[in-house]
PDB file of N, CA and C in Angstrom:
ATOM      1  N   UNK A   1     -33.043 -43.273  10.598  1.00  0.00           N
ATOM      2  CA  UNK A   1     -32.838 -41.962  10.007  1.00  0.00           C
ATOM      3  C   UNK A   1     -33.672 -41.867   8.731  1.00  0.00           C
ATOM      4  N   UNK A   2     -34.516 -40.849   8.664  1.00  0.00           N
ATOM      5  CA  UNK A   2     -35.356 -40.666   7.485  1.00  0.00           C
ATOM      6  C   UNK A   2     -34.521 -40.114   6.338  1.00  0.00           C
ATOM      7  N   UNK A   3     -35.080 -40.175   5.139  1.00  0.00           N
ATOM      8  CA  UNK A   3     -34.358 -39.663   3.981  1.00  0.00           C
ATOM      9  C   UNK A   3     -33.988 -38.193   4.120  1.00  0.00           C
ATOM     10  N   UNK A   4     -34.894 -37.299   4.603  1.00  0.00           N
ATOM     11  CA  UNK A   4     -34.470 -35.909   4.781  1.00  0.00           C
ATOM     12  C   UNK A   4     -33.326 -35.764   5.785  1.00  0.00           C
ATOM     13  N   UNK A   5     -33.394 -36.547   6.886  1.00  0.00           N
ATOM     14  CA  UNK A   5     -32.305 -36.501   7.852  1.00  0.00           C
ATOM     15  C   UNK A   5     -31.013 -37.018   7.238  1.00  0.00           C
ATOM     16  N   UNK A   6     -31.112 -38.068   6.413  1.00  0.00           N
ATOM     17  CA  UNK A   6     -29.958 -38.632   5.729  1.00  0.00           C
ATOM     18  C   UNK A   6     -29.328 -37.582   4.820  1.00  0.00           C
ATOM     19  N   UNK A   7     -30.160 -36.877   4.052  1.00  0.00           N
ATOM     20  CA  UNK A   7     -29.660 -35.834   3.160  1.00  0.00           C
ATOM     21  C   UNK A   7     -29.017 -34.713   3.963  1.00  0.00           C
ATOM     22  N   UNK A   8     -29.638 -34.354   5.086  1.00  0.00           N
ATOM     23  CA  UNK A   8     -29.081 -33.298   5.920  1.00  0.00           C
ATOM     24  C   UNK A   8     -27.733 -33.717   6.496  1.00  0.00           C
ATOM     25  N   UNK A   9     -27.615 -34.961   6.898  1.00  0.00           N
ATOM     26  CA  UNK A   9     -26.341 -35.446   7.428  1.00  0.00           C
ATOM     27  C   UNK A   9     -25.269 -35.419   6.363  1.00  0.00           C
ATOM     28  N   UNK A  10     -25.679 -35.698   5.143  1.00  0.00           N
ATOM     29  CA  UNK A  10     -24.735 -35.695   4.025  1.00  0.00           C
ATOM     30  C   UNK A  10     -24.196 -34.286   3.769  1.00  0.00           C
ATOM     31  N   UNK A  11     -24.977 -33.259   4.085  1.00  0.00           N
ATOM     32  CA  UNK A  11     -24.580 -31.872   3.868  1.00  0.00           C
ATOM     33  C   UNK A  11     -24.033 -31.223   5.138  1.00  0.00           C
ATOM     34  N   UNK A  12     -23.841 -31.986   6.195  1.00  0.00           N
ATOM     35  CA  UNK A  12     -23.498 -31.433   7.501  1.00  0.00           C
ATOM     36  C   UNK A  12     -22.168 -30.695   7.537  1.00  0.00           C
ATOM     37  N   UNK A  13     -21.272 -30.966   6.611  1.00  0.00           N
ATOM     38  CA  UNK A  13     -19.986 -30.295   6.632  1.00  0.00           C
ATOM     39  C   UNK A  13     -20.128 -28.792   6.488  1.00  0.00           C
ATOM     40  N   UNK A  14     -21.204 -28.307   5.901  1.00  0.00           N
ATOM     41  CA  UNK A  14     -21.392 -26.894   5.625  1.00  0.00           C
ATOM     42  C   UNK A  14     -22.115 -26.173   6.760  1.00  0.00           C
ATOM     43  N   UNK A  15     -22.501 -26.877   7.805  1.00  0.00           N
ATOM     44  CA  UNK A  15     -23.271 -26.263   8.880  1.00  0.00           C
ATOM     45  C   UNK A  15     -22.407 -26.091  10.119  1.00  0.00           C
ATOM     46  N   UNK A  16     -22.923 -25.290  11.074  1.00  0.00           N
ATOM     47  CA  UNK A  16     -22.189 -25.108  12.316  1.00  0.00           C
ATOM     48  C   UNK A  16     -22.208 -26.414  13.103  1.00  0.00           C
ATOM     49  N   UNK A  17     -21.217 -26.560  13.937  1.00  0.00           N
ATOM     50  CA  UNK A  17     -21.061 -27.814  14.660  1.00  0.00           C
ATOM     51  C   UNK A  17     -21.185 -27.561  16.157  1.00  0.00           C
ATOM     52  N   UNK A  18     -22.043 -28.339  16.826  1.00  0.00           N
ATOM     53  CA  UNK A  18     -22.201 -28.182  18.264  1.00  0.00           C
ATOM     54  C   UNK A  18     -22.042 -29.504  19.017  1.00  0.00           C
ATOM     55  N   UNK A  19     -21.982 -30.611  18.308  1.00  0.00           N
ATOM     56  CA  UNK A  19     -21.861 -31.925  18.947  1.00  0.00           C
ATOM     57  C   UNK A  19     -20.401 -32.354  19.012  1.00  0.00           C
ATOM     58  N   UNK A  20     -20.096 -33.216  19.970  1.00  0.00           N
ATOM     59  CA  UNK A  20     -18.727 -33.712  20.131  1.00  0.00           C
ATOM     60  C   UNK A  20     -18.702 -35.234  19.981  1.00  0.00           C
ATOM     61  N   UNK A  21     -17.568 -35.745  19.537  1.00  0.00           N
ATOM     62  CA  UNK A  21     -17.331 -37.175  19.442  1.00  0.00           C
ATOM     63  C   UNK A  21     -15.915 -37.421  19.923  1.00  0.00           C
ATOM     64  N   UNK A  22     -15.765 -38.348  20.841  1.00  0.00           N
ATOM     65  CA  UNK A  22     -14.437 -38.675  21.350  1.00  0.00           C
ATOM     66  C   UNK A  22     -14.119 -40.127  21.018  1.00  0.00           C
ATOM     67  N   UNK A  23     -12.844 -40.405  20.806  1.00  0.00           N
ATOM     68  CA  UNK A  23     -12.430 -41.772  20.502  1.00  0.00           C
ATOM     69  C   UNK A  23     -11.052 -42.032  21.105  1.00  0.00           C
ATOM     70  N   UNK A  24     -10.864 -43.215  21.573  1.00  0.00           N
ATOM     71  CA  UNK A  24      -9.546 -43.655  22.046  1.00  0.00           C
ATOM     72  C   UNK A  24      -8.908 -44.454  20.927  1.00  0.00           C
ATOM     73  N   UNK A  25      -7.623 -44.204  20.679  1.00  0.00           N
ATOM     74  CA  UNK A  25      -6.912 -44.945  19.654  1.00  0.00           C
ATOM     75  C   UNK A  25      -5.447 -45.068  20.039  1.00  0.00           C
ATOM     76  N   UNK A  26      -4.772 -45.974  19.377  1.00  0.00           N
ATOM     77  CA  UNK A  26      -3.357 -46.189  19.677  1.00  0.00           C
ATOM     78  C   UNK A  26      -2.527 -45.064  19.071  1.00  0.00           C
ATOM     79  N   UNK A  27      -1.304 -44.944  19.524  1.00  0.00           N
ATOM     80  CA  UNK A  27      -0.387 -43.934  18.980  1.00  0.00           C
ATOM     81  C   UNK A  27      -0.209 -44.160  17.476  1.00  0.00           C
ATOM     82  N   UNK A  28      -0.084 -45.449  17.086  1.00  0.00           N
ATOM     83  CA  UNK A  28       0.107 -45.762  15.665  1.00  0.00           C
ATOM     84  C   UNK A  28      -1.091 -45.328  14.827  1.00  0.00           C
ATOM     85  N   UNK A  29      -2.294 -45.564  15.344  1.00  0.00           N
ATOM     86  CA  UNK A  29      -3.493 -45.147  14.618  1.00  0.00           C
ATOM     87  C   UNK A  29      -3.538 -43.624  14.459  1.00  0.00           C
ATOM     88  N   UNK A  30      -3.221 -42.910  15.548  1.00  0.00           N
ATOM     89  CA  UNK A  30      -3.254 -41.453  15.475  1.00  0.00           C
ATOM     90  C   UNK A  30      -2.202 -40.941  14.502  1.00  0.00           C
ATOM     91  N   UNK A  31      -1.022 -41.509  14.529  1.00  0.00           N
ATOM     92  CA  UNK A  31       0.032 -41.072  13.605  1.00  0.00           C
ATOM     93  C   UNK A  31      -0.375 -41.334  12.152  1.00  0.00           C
ATOM     94  N   UNK A  32      -0.994 -42.476  11.907  1.00  0.00           N
ATOM     95  CA  UNK A  32      -1.448 -42.809  10.563  1.00  0.00           C
ATOM     96  C   UNK A  32      -2.497 -41.812  10.083  1.00  0.00           C
ATOM     97  N   UNK A  33      -3.489 -41.539  10.943  1.00  0.00           N
ATOM     98  CA  UNK A  33      -4.537 -40.594  10.589  1.00  0.00           C
ATOM     99  C   UNK A  33      -3.978 -39.188  10.396  1.00  0.00           C
ATOM    100  N   UNK A  34      -3.042 -38.796  11.256  1.00  0.00           N
ATOM    101  CA  UNK A  34      -2.444 -37.469  11.139  1.00  0.00           C
ATOM    102  C   UNK A  34      -1.660 -37.347   9.836  1.00  0.00           C
ATOM    103  N   UNK A  35      -0.946 -38.388   9.478  1.00  0.00           N
ATOM    104  CA  UNK A  35      -0.168 -38.389   8.236  1.00  0.00           C
ATOM    105  C   UNK A  35      -1.103 -38.203   7.036  1.00  0.00           C
ATOM    106  N   UNK A  36      -2.195 -38.976   7.035  1.00  0.00           N
ATOM    107  CA  UNK A  36      -3.165 -38.862   5.941  1.00  0.00           C
ATOM    108  C   UNK A  36      -3.786 -37.466   5.914  1.00  0.00           C
ATOM    109  N   UNK A  37      -4.117 -36.920   7.076  1.00  0.00           N
ATOM    110  CA  UNK A  37      -4.685 -35.568   7.141  1.00  0.00           C
ATOM    111  C   UNK A  37      -3.688 -34.546   6.611  1.00  0.00           C
ATOM    112  N   UNK A  38      -2.429 -34.696   6.987  1.00  0.00           N
ATOM    113  CA  UNK A  38      -1.375 -33.791   6.500  1.00  0.00           C
ATOM    114  C   UNK A  38      -1.255 -33.859   4.991  1.00  0.00           C
ATOM    115  N   UNK A  39      -1.350 -35.063   4.434  1.00  0.00           N
ATOM    116  CA  UNK A  39      -1.248 -35.218   2.983  1.00  0.00           C
ATOM    117  C   UNK A  39      -2.375 -34.487   2.254  1.00  0.00           C
ATOM    118  N   UNK A  40      -3.536 -34.399   2.899  1.00  0.00           N
ATOM    119  CA  UNK A  40      -4.671 -33.689   2.306  1.00  0.00           C
ATOM    120  C   UNK A  40      -4.738 -32.227   2.725  1.00  0.00           C
ATOM    121  N   UNK A  41      -3.806 -31.805   3.568  1.00  0.00           N
ATOM    122  CA  UNK A  41      -3.790 -30.419   4.017  1.00  0.00           C
ATOM    123  C   UNK A  41      -4.964 -30.067   4.913  1.00  0.00           C
ATOM    124  N   UNK A  42      -5.399 -31.021   5.722  1.00  0.00           N
ATOM    125  CA  UNK A  42      -6.551 -30.822   6.593  1.00  0.00           C
ATOM    126  C   UNK A  42      -6.156 -31.062   8.041  1.00  0.00           C
ATOM    127  N   UNK A  43      -6.969 -30.542   8.947  1.00  0.00           N
ATOM    128  CA  UNK A  43      -6.746 -30.857  10.361  1.00  0.00           C
ATOM    129  C   UNK A  43      -7.125 -32.320  10.579  1.00  0.00           C
ATOM    130  N   UNK A  44      -6.599 -32.883  11.638  1.00  0.00           N
ATOM    131  CA  UNK A  44      -6.914 -34.275  11.965  1.00  0.00           C
ATOM    132  C   UNK A  44      -8.418 -34.434  12.186  1.00  0.00           C
ATOM    133  N   UNK A  45      -9.009 -33.513  12.930  1.00  0.00           N
ATOM    134  CA  UNK A  45     -10.445 -33.581  13.197  1.00  0.00           C
ATOM    135  C   UNK A  45     -11.250 -33.519  11.906  1.00  0.00           C
ATOM    136  N   UNK A  46     -10.935 -32.566  11.051  1.00  0.00           N
ATOM    137  CA  UNK A  46     -11.655 -32.429   9.791  1.00  0.00           C
ATOM    138  C   UNK A  46     -11.506 -33.684   8.941  1.00  0.00           C
ATOM    139  N   UNK A  47     -10.310 -34.227   8.877  1.00  0.00           N
ATOM    140  CA  UNK A  47     -10.054 -35.441   8.104  1.00  0.00           C
ATOM    141  C   UNK A  47     -10.894 -36.609   8.626  1.00  0.00           C
ATOM    142  N   UNK A  48     -10.851 -36.842   9.935  1.00  0.00           N
ATOM    143  CA  UNK A  48     -11.552 -37.979  10.529  1.00  0.00           C
ATOM    144  C   UNK A  48     -13.065 -37.833  10.378  1.00  0.00           C
ATOM    145  N   UNK A  49     -13.606 -36.648  10.674  1.00  0.00           N
ATOM    146  CA  UNK A  49     -15.050 -36.435  10.581  1.00  0.00           C
ATOM    147  C   UNK A  49     -15.511 -36.590   9.137  1.00  0.00           C
ATOM    148  N   UNK A  50     -14.773 -36.009   8.204  1.00  0.00           N
ATOM    149  CA  UNK A  50     -15.163 -36.084   6.797  1.00  0.00           C
ATOM    150  C   UNK A  50     -15.179 -37.528   6.298  1.00  0.00           C
ATOM    151  N   UNK A  51     -14.139 -38.279   6.611  1.00  0.00           N
ATOM    152  CA  UNK A  51     -14.072 -39.665   6.147  1.00  0.00           C
ATOM    153  C   UNK A  51     -15.070 -40.561   6.880  1.00  0.00           C
ATOM    154  N   UNK A  52     -15.327 -40.293   8.148  1.00  0.00           N
ATOM    155  CA  UNK A  52     -16.329 -41.059   8.884  1.00  0.00           C
ATOM    156  C   UNK A  52     -17.725 -40.778   8.314  1.00  0.00           C
ATOM    157  N   UNK A  53     -17.988 -39.519   7.978  1.00  0.00           N
ATOM    158  CA  UNK A  53     -19.280 -39.168   7.398  1.00  0.00           C
ATOM    159  C   UNK A  53     -19.461 -39.836   6.043  1.00  0.00           C
ATOM    160  N   UNK A  54     -18.434 -39.815   5.212  1.00  0.00           N
ATOM    161  CA  UNK A  54     -18.515 -40.486   3.908  1.00  0.00           C
ATOM    162  C   UNK A  54     -18.765 -41.978   4.074  1.00  0.00           C
ATOM    163  N   UNK A  55     -18.102 -42.592   5.039  1.00  0.00           N
ATOM    164  CA  UNK A  55     -18.302 -44.024   5.296  1.00  0.00           C
ATOM    165  C   UNK A  55     -19.719 -44.283   5.782  1.00  0.00           C
ATOM    166  N   UNK A  56     -20.256 -43.392   6.606  1.00  0.00           N
ATOM    167  CA  UNK A  56     -21.624 -43.556   7.104  1.00  0.00           C
ATOM    168  C   UNK A  56     -22.630 -43.457   5.962  1.00  0.00           C
ATOM    169  N   UNK A  57     -22.466 -42.469   5.090  1.00  0.00           N
ATOM    170  CA  UNK A  57     -23.370 -42.306   3.948  1.00  0.00           C
ATOM    171  C   UNK A  57     -23.307 -43.540   3.055  1.00  0.00           C
ATOM    172  N   UNK A  58     -22.123 -44.039   2.795  1.00  0.00           N
ATOM    173  CA  UNK A  58     -21.951 -45.222   1.952  1.00  0.00           C
ATOM    174  C   UNK A  58     -22.607 -46.451   2.593  1.00  0.00           C
ATOM    175  N   UNK A  59     -22.412 -46.626   3.882  1.00  0.00           N
ATOM    176  CA  UNK A  59     -22.990 -47.765   4.596  1.00  0.00           C
ATOM    177  C   UNK A  59     -24.521 -47.708   4.560  1.00  0.00           C
ATOM    178  N   UNK A  60     -25.082 -46.528   4.805  1.00  0.00           N
ATOM    179  CA  UNK A  60     -26.539 -46.377   4.760  1.00  0.00           C
ATOM    180  C   UNK A  60     -27.052 -46.677   3.364  1.00  0.00           C
ATOM    181  N   UNK A  61     -26.371 -46.174   2.362  1.00  0.00           N
ATOM    182  CA  UNK A  61     -26.775 -46.411   0.976  1.00  0.00           C
ATOM    183  C   UNK A  61     -26.751 -47.901   0.647  1.00  0.00           C
ATOM    184  N   UNK A  62     -25.704 -48.592   1.058  1.00  0.00           N
ATOM    185  CA  UNK A  62     -25.583 -50.024   0.775  1.00  0.00           C
ATOM    186  C   UNK A  62     -26.699 -50.837   1.435  1.00  0.00           C
ATOM    187  N   UNK A  63     -27.232 -50.337   2.543  1.00  0.00           N
ATOM    188  CA  UNK A  63     -28.257 -51.080   3.270  1.00  0.00           C
ATOM    189  C   UNK A  63     -29.680 -50.629   2.954  1.00  0.00           C
ATOM    190  N   UNK A  64     -29.838 -49.552   2.197  1.00  0.00           N
ATOM    191  CA  UNK A  64     -31.181 -49.045   1.943  1.00  0.00           C
ATOM    192  C   UNK A  64     -31.541 -48.953   0.463  1.00  0.00           C
ATOM    193  N   UNK A  65     -30.581 -49.096  -0.418  1.00  0.00           N
ATOM    194  CA  UNK A  65     -30.840 -48.993  -1.853  1.00  0.00           C
ATOM    195  C   UNK A  65     -30.724 -50.378  -2.474  1.00  0.00           C
ATOM    196  N   UNK A  66     -31.725 -50.760  -3.235  1.00  0.00           N
ATOM    197  CA  UNK A  66     -31.698 -52.048  -3.921  1.00  0.00           C
ATOM    198  C   UNK A  66     -31.298 -51.795  -5.368  1.00  0.00           C
ATOM    199  N   UNK A  67     -30.244 -52.421  -5.802  1.00  0.00           N
ATOM    200  CA  UNK A  67     -29.775 -52.261  -7.175  1.00  0.00           C
ATOM    201  C   UNK A  67     -29.981 -53.571  -7.919  1.00  0.00           C
ATOM    202  N   UNK A  68     -30.626 -53.472  -9.076  1.00  0.00           N
ATOM    203  CA  UNK A  68     -30.892 -54.647  -9.895  1.00  0.00           C
ATOM    204  C   UNK A  68     -30.156 -54.532 -11.220  1.00  0.00           C
ATOM    205  N   UNK A  69     -29.695 -55.663 -11.721  1.00  0.00           N
ATOM    206  CA  UNK A  69     -29.140 -55.642 -13.069  1.00  0.00           C
ATOM    207  C   UNK A  69     -30.298 -55.549 -14.052  1.00  0.00           C
ATOM    208  N   UNK A  70     -29.999 -55.411 -15.327  1.00  0.00           N
ATOM    209  CA  UNK A  70     -31.043 -55.200 -16.336  1.00  0.00           C
ATOM    210  C   UNK A  70     -32.066 -56.329 -16.355  1.00  0.00           C
ATOM    211  N   UNK A  71     -31.589 -57.563 -16.353  1.00  0.00           N
ATOM    212  CA  UNK A  71     -32.499 -58.708 -16.424  1.00  0.00           C
ATOM    213  C   UNK A  71     -33.416 -58.759 -15.202  1.00  0.00           C
ATOM    214  N   UNK A  72     -32.862 -58.544 -14.015  1.00  0.00           N
ATOM    215  CA  UNK A  72     -33.678 -58.566 -12.802  1.00  0.00           C
ATOM    216  C   UNK A  72     -34.648 -57.394 -12.769  1.00  0.00           C
ATOM    217  N   UNK A  73     -34.212 -56.240 -13.261  1.00  0.00           N
ATOM    218  CA  UNK A  73     -35.086 -55.070 -13.320  1.00  0.00           C
ATOM    219  C   UNK A  73     -36.286 -55.321 -14.231  1.00  0.00           C
ATOM    220  N   UNK A  74     -36.041 -55.927 -15.376  1.00  0.00           N
ATOM    221  CA  UNK A  74     -37.122 -56.254 -16.307  1.00  0.00           C
ATOM    222  C   UNK A  74     -38.071 -57.273 -15.683  1.00  0.00           C
ATOM    223  N   UNK A  75     -37.514 -58.293 -15.052  1.00  0.00           N
ATOM    224  CA  UNK A  75     -38.354 -59.323 -14.417  1.00  0.00           C
ATOM    225  C   UNK A  75     -39.213 -58.713 -13.307  1.00  0.00           C
ATOM    226  N   UNK A  76     -38.656 -57.793 -12.545  1.00  0.00           N
ATOM    227  CA  UNK A  76     -39.405 -57.140 -11.472  1.00  0.00           C
ATOM    228  C   UNK A  76     -40.551 -56.312 -12.054  1.00  0.00           C
ATOM    229  N   UNK A  77     -40.246 -55.519 -13.068  1.00  0.00           N
ATOM    230  CA  UNK A  77     -41.284 -54.681 -13.699  1.00  0.00           C
ATOM    231  C   UNK A  77     -42.385 -55.543 -14.310  1.00  0.00           C
ATOM    232  N   UNK A  78     -42.011 -56.633 -14.951  1.00  0.00           N
ATOM    233  CA  UNK A  78     -43.018 -57.519 -15.554  1.00  0.00           C
ATOM    234  C   UNK A  78     -43.901 -58.166 -14.489  1.00  0.00           C
ATOM    235  N   UNK A  79     -43.312 -58.509 -13.368  1.00  0.00           N
ATOM    236  CA  UNK A  79     -44.117 -59.120 -12.305  1.00  0.00           C
ATOM    237  C   UNK A  79     -45.116 -58.123 -11.732  1.00  0.00           C
ATOM    238  N   UNK A  80     -44.755 -56.847 -11.695  1.00  0.00           N
ATOM    239  CA  UNK A  80     -45.697 -55.833 -11.222  1.00  0.00           C
ATOM    240  C   UNK A  80     -46.828 -55.615 -12.218  1.00  0.00           C
ATOM    241  N   UNK A  81     -46.498 -55.687 -13.500  1.00  0.00           N
ATOM    242  CA  UNK A  81     -47.485 -55.430 -14.537  1.00  0.00           C
ATOM    243  C   UNK A  81     -48.431 -56.608 -14.761  1.00  0.00           C
ATOM    244  N   UNK A  82     -48.016 -57.782 -14.385  1.00  0.00           N
ATOM    245  CA  UNK A  82     -48.853 -58.956 -14.637  1.00  0.00           C
ATOM    246  C   UNK A  82     -49.292 -59.614 -13.340  1.00  0.00           C
ATOM    247  N   UNK A  83     -49.724 -58.790 -12.388  1.00  0.00           N
ATOM    248  CA  UNK A  83     -50.170 -59.366 -11.123  1.00  0.00           C
ATOM    249  C   UNK A  83     -51.485 -60.100 -11.338  1.00  0.00           C
ATOM    250  N   UNK A  84     -51.723 -61.165 -10.606  1.00  0.00           N
ATOM    251  CA  UNK A  84     -52.950 -61.948 -10.789  1.00  0.00           C
ATOM    252  C   UNK A  84     -54.177 -61.158 -10.337  1.00  0.00           C
ATOM    253  N   UNK A  85     -55.315 -61.475 -10.915  1.00  0.00           N
ATOM    254  CA  UNK A  85     -56.583 -60.846 -10.533  1.00  0.00           C
ATOM    255  C   UNK A  85     -56.973 -61.336  -9.137  1.00  0.00           C
ATOM    256  N   UNK A  86     -57.561 -60.429  -8.370  1.00  0.00           N
ATOM    257  CA  UNK A  86     -58.057 -60.810  -7.044  1.00  0.00           C
ATOM    258  C   UNK A  86     -59.490 -61.297  -7.152  1.00  0.00           C
ATOM    259  N   UNK A  87     -59.780 -62.385  -6.472  1.00  0.00           N
ATOM    260  CA  UNK A  87     -61.181 -62.802  -6.403  1.00  0.00           C
ATOM    261  C   UNK A  87     -61.872 -61.907  -5.371  1.00  0.00           C
ATOM    262  N   UNK A  88     -63.183 -61.750  -5.486  1.00  0.00           N
ATOM    263  CA  UNK A  88     -63.930 -60.846  -4.611  1.00  0.00           C
ATOM    264  C   UNK A  88     -63.831 -61.223  -3.145  1.00  0.00           C
ATOM    265  N   UNK A  89     -63.637 -62.518  -2.883  1.00  0.00           N
ATOM    266  CA  UNK A  89     -63.587 -62.945  -1.487  1.00  0.00           C
ATOM    267  C   UNK A  89     -62.157 -63.061  -0.944  1.00  0.00           C
ATOM    268  N   UNK A  90     -61.176 -62.634  -1.732  1.00  0.00           N
ATOM    269  CA  UNK A  90     -59.789 -62.651  -1.254  1.00  0.00           C
ATOM    270  C   UNK A  90     -59.637 -61.610  -0.139  1.00  0.00           C
ATOM    271  N   UNK A  91     -58.839 -61.891   0.883  1.00  0.00           N
ATOM    272  CA  UNK A  91     -58.687 -60.945   1.996  1.00  0.00           C
ATOM    273  C   UNK A  91     -58.277 -59.540   1.539  1.00  0.00           C
ATOM    274  N   UNK A  92     -57.362 -59.442   0.590  1.00  0.00           N
ATOM    275  CA  UNK A  92     -56.937 -58.127   0.127  1.00  0.00           C
ATOM    276  C   UNK A  92     -58.084 -57.401  -0.571  1.00  0.00           C
ATOM    277  N   UNK A  93     -58.860 -58.111  -1.373  1.00  0.00           N
ATOM    278  CA  UNK A  93     -59.998 -57.502  -2.071  1.00  0.00           C
ATOM    279  C   UNK A  93     -61.025 -57.000  -1.059  1.00  0.00           C
ATOM    280  N   UNK A  94     -61.257 -57.766  -0.009  1.00  0.00           N
ATOM    281  CA  UNK A  94     -62.208 -57.343   1.030  1.00  0.00           C
ATOM    282  C   UNK A  94     -61.677 -56.108   1.756  1.00  0.00           C
ATOM    283  N   UNK A  95     -60.394 -56.084   2.035  1.00  0.00           N
ATOM    284  CA  UNK A  95     -59.801 -54.933   2.717  1.00  0.00           C
ATOM    285  C   UNK A  95     -59.899 -53.681   1.844  1.00  0.00           C
ATOM    286  N   UNK A  96     -59.643 -53.823   0.558  1.00  0.00           N
ATOM    287  CA  UNK A  96     -59.761 -52.690  -0.368  1.00  0.00           C
ATOM    288  C   UNK A  96     -61.198 -52.187  -0.396  1.00  0.00           C
ATOM    289  N   UNK A  97     -62.130 -53.098  -0.432  1.00  0.00           N
ATOM    290  CA  UNK A  97     -63.546 -52.736  -0.457  1.00  0.00           C
ATOM    291  C   UNK A  97     -63.933 -51.985   0.818  1.00  0.00           C
ATOM    292  N   UNK A  98     -63.516 -52.487   1.979  1.00  0.00           N
ATOM    293  CA  UNK A  98     -63.817 -51.820   3.253  1.00  0.00           C
ATOM    294  C   UNK A  98     -63.206 -50.425   3.284  1.00  0.00           C
ATOM    295  N   UNK A  99     -61.992 -50.299   2.804  1.00  0.00           N
ATOM    296  CA  UNK A  99     -61.322 -48.994   2.788  1.00  0.00           C
ATOM    297  C   UNK A  99     -62.093 -48.012   1.905  1.00  0.00           C
ATOM    298  N   UNK A 100     -62.477 -48.449   0.702  1.00  0.00           N
ATOM    299  CA  UNK A 100     -63.207 -47.571  -0.208  1.00  0.00           C
ATOM    300  C   UNK A 100     -64.529 -47.132   0.408  1.00  0.00           C
ATOM    301  N   UNK A 101     -65.218 -48.063   1.072  1.00  0.00           N
ATOM    302  CA  UNK A 101     -66.483 -47.714   1.714  1.00  0.00           C
ATOM    303  C   UNK A 101     -66.248 -46.717   2.845  1.00  0.00           C
ATOM    304  N   UNK A 102     -65.212 -46.916   3.630  1.00  0.00           N
ATOM    305  CA  UNK A 102     -64.948 -46.016   4.758  1.00  0.00           C
ATOM    306  C   UNK A 102     -64.574 -44.604   4.295  1.00  0.00           C
ATOM    307  N   UNK A 103     -64.051 -44.508   3.079  1.00  0.00           N
ATOM    308  CA  UNK A 103     -63.649 -43.213   2.530  1.00  0.00           C
ATOM    309  C   UNK A 103     -64.714 -42.607   1.623  1.00  0.00           C
ATOM    310  N   UNK A 104     -65.843 -43.305   1.473  1.00  0.00           N
ATOM    311  CA  UNK A 104     -66.908 -42.834   0.622  1.00  0.00           C
ATOM    312  C   UNK A 104     -66.552 -42.902  -0.856  1.00  0.00           C
ATOM    313  N   UNK A 105     -65.714 -43.864  -1.210  1.00  0.00           N
ATOM    314  CA  UNK A 105     -65.267 -44.001  -2.594  1.00  0.00           C
ATOM    315  C   UNK A 105     -66.017 -45.083  -3.347  1.00  0.00           C
ATOM    316  N   UNK A 106     -66.841 -45.781  -2.756  1.00  0.00           N
ATOM    317  CA  UNK A 106     -67.551 -46.813  -3.502  1.00  0.00           C
ATOM    318  C   UNK A 106     -68.304 -47.662  -2.640  1.00  0.00           C
TER     319      UNK A 106
END
């Protein structure tokens, strides 16, 4: 799922709904979910879809966002700023040179 699709899914509660999702569950599970939905004054379907969507957004975020503490963030930034010089015959330097030539940049 791309970032725009992710954002759209996050806002899906405000759009019309045409897809269906079915699930089998025990009587106890349904009663528990219904009780929670009643406490929030929502239909069972609305409660389940809303909480499932929130869980999906959270799960995607946990797997796609890298969070660094201050020390690690500083170390990462410093490593980017102090990258070693490339020798002319290094594979990356040759690739950059070929790319620039192919684009008429040098």
